[in-house]
C-alpha cells in the first residue's frame, strides 16, 4: 500500500502480515487492531493523521487480510497471543494498542494476559457483551448466518461493485476507508469469520480488572447500534485501575469513521497525557 511499508513476521505459530508507517525519529509506537472482516489498511485515515508523531503498526488479524488463515485458533486468547508475538518479533517497546470492535476485545485481552508488553489501550466500542458467560459462544445461529451470508454475498461482487455498495451504505465514511473495507472483505476467510463469532464470550470484566496500564474507552450513541451501553461503561469504570471513558454523541459502532474529527481529538489527548505522565 502506498506510503506504508508492509511485511510478515512469524508469531504464535502463524505468519502475520502487517503494514507500518515510516517511524518518526524517537516516536512512540501505536499498534492498531482492526475489527471483524477488516484488515490493517482499514485504519488508513487514522494512520495518515497520526503518522507524523507515531510509529504505526497495523497488522492483519489471523483469518484476515494477508495473514495466515489456519483451521483453528480463533479465540480471543489466540488472537492476544498473536499480538504478543508480533510485539516481540518487531521488538516493539510497550506500544499503546488501539482496537476497534473485535480489535478492542483483542487489545484488552492482550493487556490483561501480557501486561509487560503493553503501555496502554484505546478501546473503540469493543466487542464485549453484557453477559457473564465465559465458556460458550454468545452468538446465536441466526446472527451467525447473517454475518456469514453477508460476507459470502460481498465476496461474490467485483471490487468496484462492492465499493459502490459500501458508499451507499456508509455515506459518512471516507473514500479511502470504503476501498480498504472492500478489499478486506474479499480477503477474509469465511471459515475464520464463523469460528471467531463462535468464540465470543463475556470475559471482558476479568481482563479490565487485570490490566495495569491506562485505558481509554470510547463509546458512541446507543440509538445508533453501539455495543457498549452506558451501563456497561459504568461497570467498566468500576473495574479498571487507570481508565477513563469518552462518549462521542452521534457515532455508531464505527466511531472513527462516523465522527473522525472528534475521535482523533480524544485519541490525541489521551496519548499526549500518557506521554507526559510517563516522561516519554
Protein backbone atom coordinates (compact mmCIF):
# COMPACT_ATOMS: atom_id res chain seq x y z
CA UNK A 1 0.00 0.00 0.00
CA UNK A 2 1.29 3.42 -0.97
CA UNK A 3 3.04 5.38 1.80
CA UNK A 4 3.24 2.35 4.08
CA UNK A 5 5.72 -0.48 4.31
CA UNK A 6 4.40 -3.99 4.65
CA UNK A 7 5.91 -7.23 5.79
CA UNK A 8 5.41 -10.54 7.58
CA UNK A 9 6.53 -11.98 10.90
CA UNK A 10 6.29 -15.49 12.26
CA UNK A 11 4.48 -15.35 15.59
CA UNK A 12 2.47 -17.80 17.68
CA UNK A 13 2.87 -20.47 15.02
CA UNK A 14 1.47 -18.47 12.09
CA UNK A 15 2.62 -15.86 9.59
CA UNK A 16 1.20 -12.44 10.40
CA UNK A 17 1.09 -9.67 7.80
CA UNK A 18 1.36 -6.04 8.87
CA UNK A 19 1.56 -2.52 7.49
CA UNK A 20 3.84 0.06 9.06
CA UNK A 21 4.42 3.75 8.66
CA UNK A 22 7.93 5.12 8.33
CA UNK A 23 8.70 5.67 12.02
CA UNK A 24 9.47 9.25 13.11
CA UNK A 25 12.71 9.70 14.99
CA UNK A 26 12.04 8.66 18.55
CA UNK A 27 8.29 8.47 18.03
CA UNK A 28 6.38 6.08 20.32
CA UNK A 29 4.65 3.07 18.79
CA UNK A 30 0.92 2.56 18.29
CA UNK A 31 -0.43 -0.87 17.39
CA UNK A 32 -3.78 -0.62 15.60
CA UNK A 33 -6.09 -3.65 15.66
CA UNK A 34 -8.99 -3.73 13.21
CA UNK A 35 -12.47 -5.17 13.65
CA UNK A 36 -14.08 -8.30 12.24
CA UNK A 37 -13.79 -8.57 8.41
CA UNK A 38 -11.29 -5.68 8.35
CA UNK A 39 -7.55 -5.57 7.73
CA UNK A 40 -4.69 -3.29 8.71
CA UNK A 41 -5.47 -0.80 5.97
CA UNK A 42 -8.97 -0.14 7.24
CA UNK A 43 -7.14 2.19 9.67
CA UNK A 44 -5.73 4.19 6.76
CA UNK A 45 -7.34 7.54 7.58
CA UNK A 46 -6.40 7.37 11.26
CA UNK A 47 -2.90 6.27 10.28
CA UNK A 48 -2.36 9.23 7.97
CA UNK A 49 -3.49 11.59 10.75
CA UNK A 50 -1.07 10.13 13.34
CA UNK A 51 1.95 9.06 11.33
CA UNK A 52 3.88 12.33 11.75
CA UNK A 53 4.17 11.71 15.51
CA UNK A 54 3.98 7.96 15.93
CA UNK A 55 5.40 4.71 14.66
CA UNK A 56 2.25 2.91 13.49
CA UNK A 57 1.93 -0.86 13.11
CA UNK A 58 -1.30 -2.18 11.58
CA UNK A 59 -1.47 -5.99 11.46
CA UNK A 60 -3.99 -8.19 9.69
CA UNK A 61 -5.55 -10.46 12.31
CA UNK A 62 -5.38 -14.21 11.71
CA UNK A 63 -8.00 -15.19 9.16
CA UNK A 64 -7.96 -11.67 7.74
CA UNK A 65 -6.05 -9.76 5.08
CA UNK A 66 -2.80 -11.41 4.03
CA UNK A 67 -2.16 -13.15 7.35
CA UNK A 68 -2.40 -16.91 7.63
CA UNK A 69 -5.85 -18.49 7.84
CA UNK A 70 -5.29 -21.64 9.90
CA UNK A 71 -8.09 -24.15 10.52
CA UNK A 72 -8.23 -23.34 14.24
CA UNK A 73 -7.09 -20.87 16.89
CA UNK A 74 -9.60 -18.03 16.62
CA UNK A 75 -10.50 -17.48 20.27
CA UNK A 76 -9.55 -14.16 21.85
CA UNK A 77 -6.77 -15.90 23.78
CA UNK A 78 -5.21 -16.98 20.46
CA UNK A 79 -5.55 -13.51 18.96
CA UNK A 80 -3.94 -11.94 22.05
CA UNK A 81 -1.05 -14.40 21.76
CA UNK A 82 -0.66 -13.35 18.12
CA UNK A 83 -0.37 -9.70 19.16
CA UNK A 84 2.14 -10.52 21.89
CA UNK A 85 4.19 -12.49 19.37
CA UNK A 86 4.06 -9.62 16.89
CA UNK A 87 5.27 -7.19 19.56
CA UNK A 88 8.23 -9.47 20.27
CA UNK A 89 9.02 -10.14 16.61
CA UNK A 90 9.15 -6.42 15.77
CA UNK A 91 10.92 -5.51 19.06
CA UNK A 92 8.19 -3.01 19.97
CA UNK A 93 8.62 -1.22 23.28
CA UNK A 94 5.32 -1.38 25.20
CA UNK A 95 3.13 0.08 22.44
CA UNK A 96 -0.25 1.62 23.06
CA UNK A 97 -2.80 -0.65 21.42
CA UNK A 98 -5.80 0.92 19.68
CA UNK A 99 -8.54 -1.60 18.97
CA UNK A 100 -11.92 -1.32 17.29
CA UNK A 101 -14.68 -3.89 17.91
CA UNK A 102 -13.02 -7.33 17.68
CA UNK A 103 -9.69 -5.49 17.82
CA UNK A 104 -10.79 -3.82 21.06
CA UNK A 105 -11.58 -7.21 22.55
CA UNK A 106 -8.13 -8.44 21.48
CA UNK A 107 -6.41 -5.30 22.79
CA UNK A 108 -7.94 -5.61 26.25
CA UNK A 109 -7.13 -9.32 26.48
CA UNK A 110 -3.53 -8.65 25.40
CA UNK A 111 -3.12 -6.02 28.11
CA UNK A 112 -4.52 -8.45 30.68
CA UNK A 113 -2.53 -11.53 29.67
CA UNK A 114 0.74 -9.79 28.70
CA UNK A 115 0.96 -6.67 30.91
CA UNK A 116 4.71 -6.21 30.46
CA UNK A 117 4.27 -5.82 26.70
CA UNK A 118 1.53 -3.15 26.64
CA UNK A 119 1.80 0.54 27.50
CA UNK A 120 -1.89 1.41 27.23
CA UNK A 121 -5.09 0.58 25.40
CA UNK A 122 -7.65 2.64 23.50
CA UNK A 123 -10.89 0.73 23.07
CA UNK A 124 -13.33 1.84 20.38
CA UNK A 125 -16.71 0.21 21.07
CA UNK A 126 -15.05 -3.15 21.81
CA UNK A 127 -16.83 -6.43 21.05
CA UNK A 128 -17.89 -7.08 24.62
CA UNK A 129 -21.28 -8.39 25.60
CA UNK A 130 -23.41 -7.89 28.68
CA UNK A 131 -23.27 -11.47 29.87
CA UNK A 132 -21.20 -13.31 32.42
CA UNK A 133 -20.91 -16.42 30.25
CA UNK A 134 -17.23 -17.19 29.59
CA UNK A 135 -17.29 -20.77 28.36
CA UNK A 136 -19.52 -20.84 25.28
CA UNK A 137 -20.35 -18.60 22.35
CA UNK A 138 -22.99 -15.97 22.92
CA UNK A 139 -23.73 -15.50 19.20
CA UNK A 140 -26.96 -17.22 18.13
CA UNK A 141 -27.35 -19.17 14.91
CA UNK A 142 -29.44 -16.51 13.20
CA UNK A 143 -26.81 -13.84 13.80
CA UNK A 144 -24.10 -16.23 12.65
CA UNK A 145 -25.95 -16.88 9.40
CA UNK A 146 -26.49 -13.14 8.83
CA UNK A 147 -22.77 -12.43 9.12
CA UNK A 148 -21.75 -15.41 7.01
CA UNK A 149 -24.30 -14.81 4.25
CA UNK A 150 -23.37 -11.13 4.09
CA UNK A 151 -19.68 -11.91 3.66
CA UNK A 152 -20.35 -14.57 1.02
CA UNK A 153 -22.55 -12.13 -0.87
CA UNK A 154 -19.93 -9.37 -0.77
CA UNK A 155 -17.18 -11.74 -1.90
CA UNK A 156 -19.28 -12.62 -4.95
CA UNK A 157 -19.16 -8.99 -6.12
CA UNK A 158 -16.42 -7.37 -8.16
CA UNK A 159 -14.34 -4.81 -6.26
CA UNK A 160 -15.92 -1.76 -7.90
CA UNK A 161 -19.43 -3.05 -7.20
CA UNK A 162 -18.58 -3.71 -3.55
CA UNK A 163 -17.07 -0.23 -3.20
CA UNK A 164 -20.25 1.26 -4.68
CA UNK A 165 -22.35 -0.72 -2.18
CA UNK A 166 -20.17 0.47 0.70
CA UNK A 167 -20.52 4.06 -0.45
CA UNK A 168 -24.32 3.80 -0.46
CA UNK A 169 -24.50 2.04 2.90
CA UNK A 170 -21.92 4.22 4.67
CA UNK A 171 -22.15 7.76 3.27
CA UNK A 172 -20.13 9.23 6.18
CA UNK A 173 -17.10 7.00 5.58
CA UNK A 174 -14.02 8.42 3.88
CA UNK A 175 -13.38 7.11 0.35
CA UNK A 176 -10.05 5.53 1.35
CA UNK A 177 -11.74 3.54 4.12
CA UNK A 178 -14.52 2.41 1.81
CA UNK A 179 -12.00 0.96 -0.65
CA UNK A 180 -9.94 -0.62 2.13
CA UNK A 181 -13.05 -2.19 3.63
CA UNK A 182 -13.99 -3.72 0.27
CA UNK A 183 -10.52 -5.21 -0.14
CA UNK A 184 -10.59 -6.57 3.40
CA UNK A 185 -13.92 -8.33 2.92
CA UNK A 186 -12.61 -10.01 -0.22
CA UNK A 187 -9.57 -11.24 1.74
CA UNK A 188 -11.48 -12.52 4.79
CA UNK A 189 -11.83 -16.25 5.40
CA UNK A 190 -15.50 -17.23 5.76
CA UNK A 191 -14.47 -20.16 7.95
CA UNK A 192 -12.48 -17.83 10.22
CA UNK A 193 -15.47 -15.48 10.47
CA UNK A 194 -17.69 -18.29 11.73
CA UNK A 195 -15.08 -19.51 14.22
CA UNK A 196 -14.46 -16.02 15.63
CA UNK A 197 -18.18 -15.42 16.10
CA UNK A 198 -18.43 -18.83 17.73
CA UNK A 199 -15.69 -17.95 20.21
CA UNK A 200 -17.07 -14.64 21.54
CA UNK A 201 -17.88 -14.65 25.24
CA UNK A 202 -18.35 -12.36 28.21
CA UNK A 203 -14.93 -12.46 29.86
CA UNK A 204 -14.12 -8.77 29.47
CA UNK A 205 -14.69 -7.89 33.12
CA UNK A 206 -11.77 -10.05 34.20
CA UNK A 207 -9.48 -8.51 31.56
CA UNK A 208 -10.33 -4.94 32.62
CA UNK A 209 -9.72 -5.84 36.24
CA UNK A 210 -6.36 -7.49 35.44
CA UNK A 211 -4.90 -4.69 33.30
CA UNK A 212 -2.19 -2.49 34.81
CA UNK A 213 -1.97 0.10 32.03
CA UNK A 214 -4.00 3.25 31.25
CA UNK A 215 -7.26 2.56 29.42
CA UNK A 216 -9.38 4.85 27.26
CA UNK A 217 -12.86 3.55 26.44
CA UNK A 218 -14.53 5.41 23.56
CA UNK A 219 -18.28 4.93 23.35
CA UNK A 220 -20.90 6.05 20.85
CA UNK A 221 -24.64 6.61 20.66
CA UNK A 222 -26.80 3.68 21.86
CA UNK A 223 -29.50 4.77 19.40
CA UNK A 224 -27.06 4.06 16.54
CA UNK A 225 -26.33 0.45 17.41
CA UNK A 226 -23.16 0.57 19.51
CA UNK A 227 -22.19 -2.46 21.56
CA UNK A 228 -21.15 -0.74 24.79
CA UNK A 229 -24.18 0.53 26.65
CA UNK A 230 -23.95 3.28 29.29
CA UNK A 231 -24.48 0.60 31.95
CA UNK A 232 -21.56 -1.45 30.64
CA UNK A 233 -19.33 1.65 30.52
CA UNK A 234 -20.24 2.45 34.12
CA UNK A 235 -19.41 -1.10 35.18
CA UNK A 236 -16.11 -0.94 33.32
CA UNK A 237 -15.19 2.24 35.20
CA UNK A 238 -15.77 0.40 38.47
CA UNK A 239 -13.26 -2.30 37.47
CA UNK A 240 -10.23 -0.62 35.97
CA UNK A 241 -7.22 0.66 37.87
CA UNK A 242 -6.41 3.53 35.47
CA UNK A 243 -9.08 4.42 32.98
CA UNK A 244 -11.44 6.94 31.52
CA UNK A 245 -14.47 6.90 29.26
CA UNK A 246 -15.12 9.34 26.44
CA UNK A 247 -18.60 9.39 24.94
CA UNK A 248 -18.97 10.70 21.38
CA UNK A 249 -22.60 11.54 20.55
CA UNK A 250 -23.86 10.85 17.05
CA UNK A 251 -21.45 7.98 16.42
CA UNK A 252 -22.40 4.40 15.73
CA UNK A 253 -20.22 1.33 16.12
CA UNK A 254 -17.62 2.70 13.67
CA UNK A 255 -16.80 5.72 15.78
CA UNK A 256 -13.54 6.64 14.00
CA UNK A 257 -15.45 6.73 10.71
CA UNK A 258 -18.67 8.39 11.85
CA UNK A 259 -17.10 11.21 13.92
CA UNK A 260 -13.50 11.22 12.75
CA UNK A 261 -12.51 14.71 13.93
CA UNK A 262 -13.80 14.32 17.48
CA UNK A 263 -12.46 10.78 17.71
CA UNK A 264 -8.99 11.93 16.69
CA UNK A 265 -9.04 14.76 19.25
CA UNK A 266 -9.88 12.34 22.06
CA UNK A 267 -7.22 9.84 20.99
CA UNK A 268 -4.54 12.51 20.72
CA UNK A 269 -5.45 13.94 24.13
CA UNK A 270 -5.13 10.52 25.75
CA UNK A 271 -1.82 9.81 24.04
CA UNK A 272 -0.43 13.24 24.98
CA UNK A 273 -1.44 12.73 28.61
CA UNK A 274 0.13 9.30 28.70
CA UNK A 275 3.43 10.62 27.30
CA UNK A 276 3.51 13.42 29.85
CA UNK A 277 2.69 11.03 32.67
CA UNK A 278 5.36 8.52 31.67
CA UNK A 279 8.06 11.04 30.93
CA UNK A 280 8.46 9.72 27.37
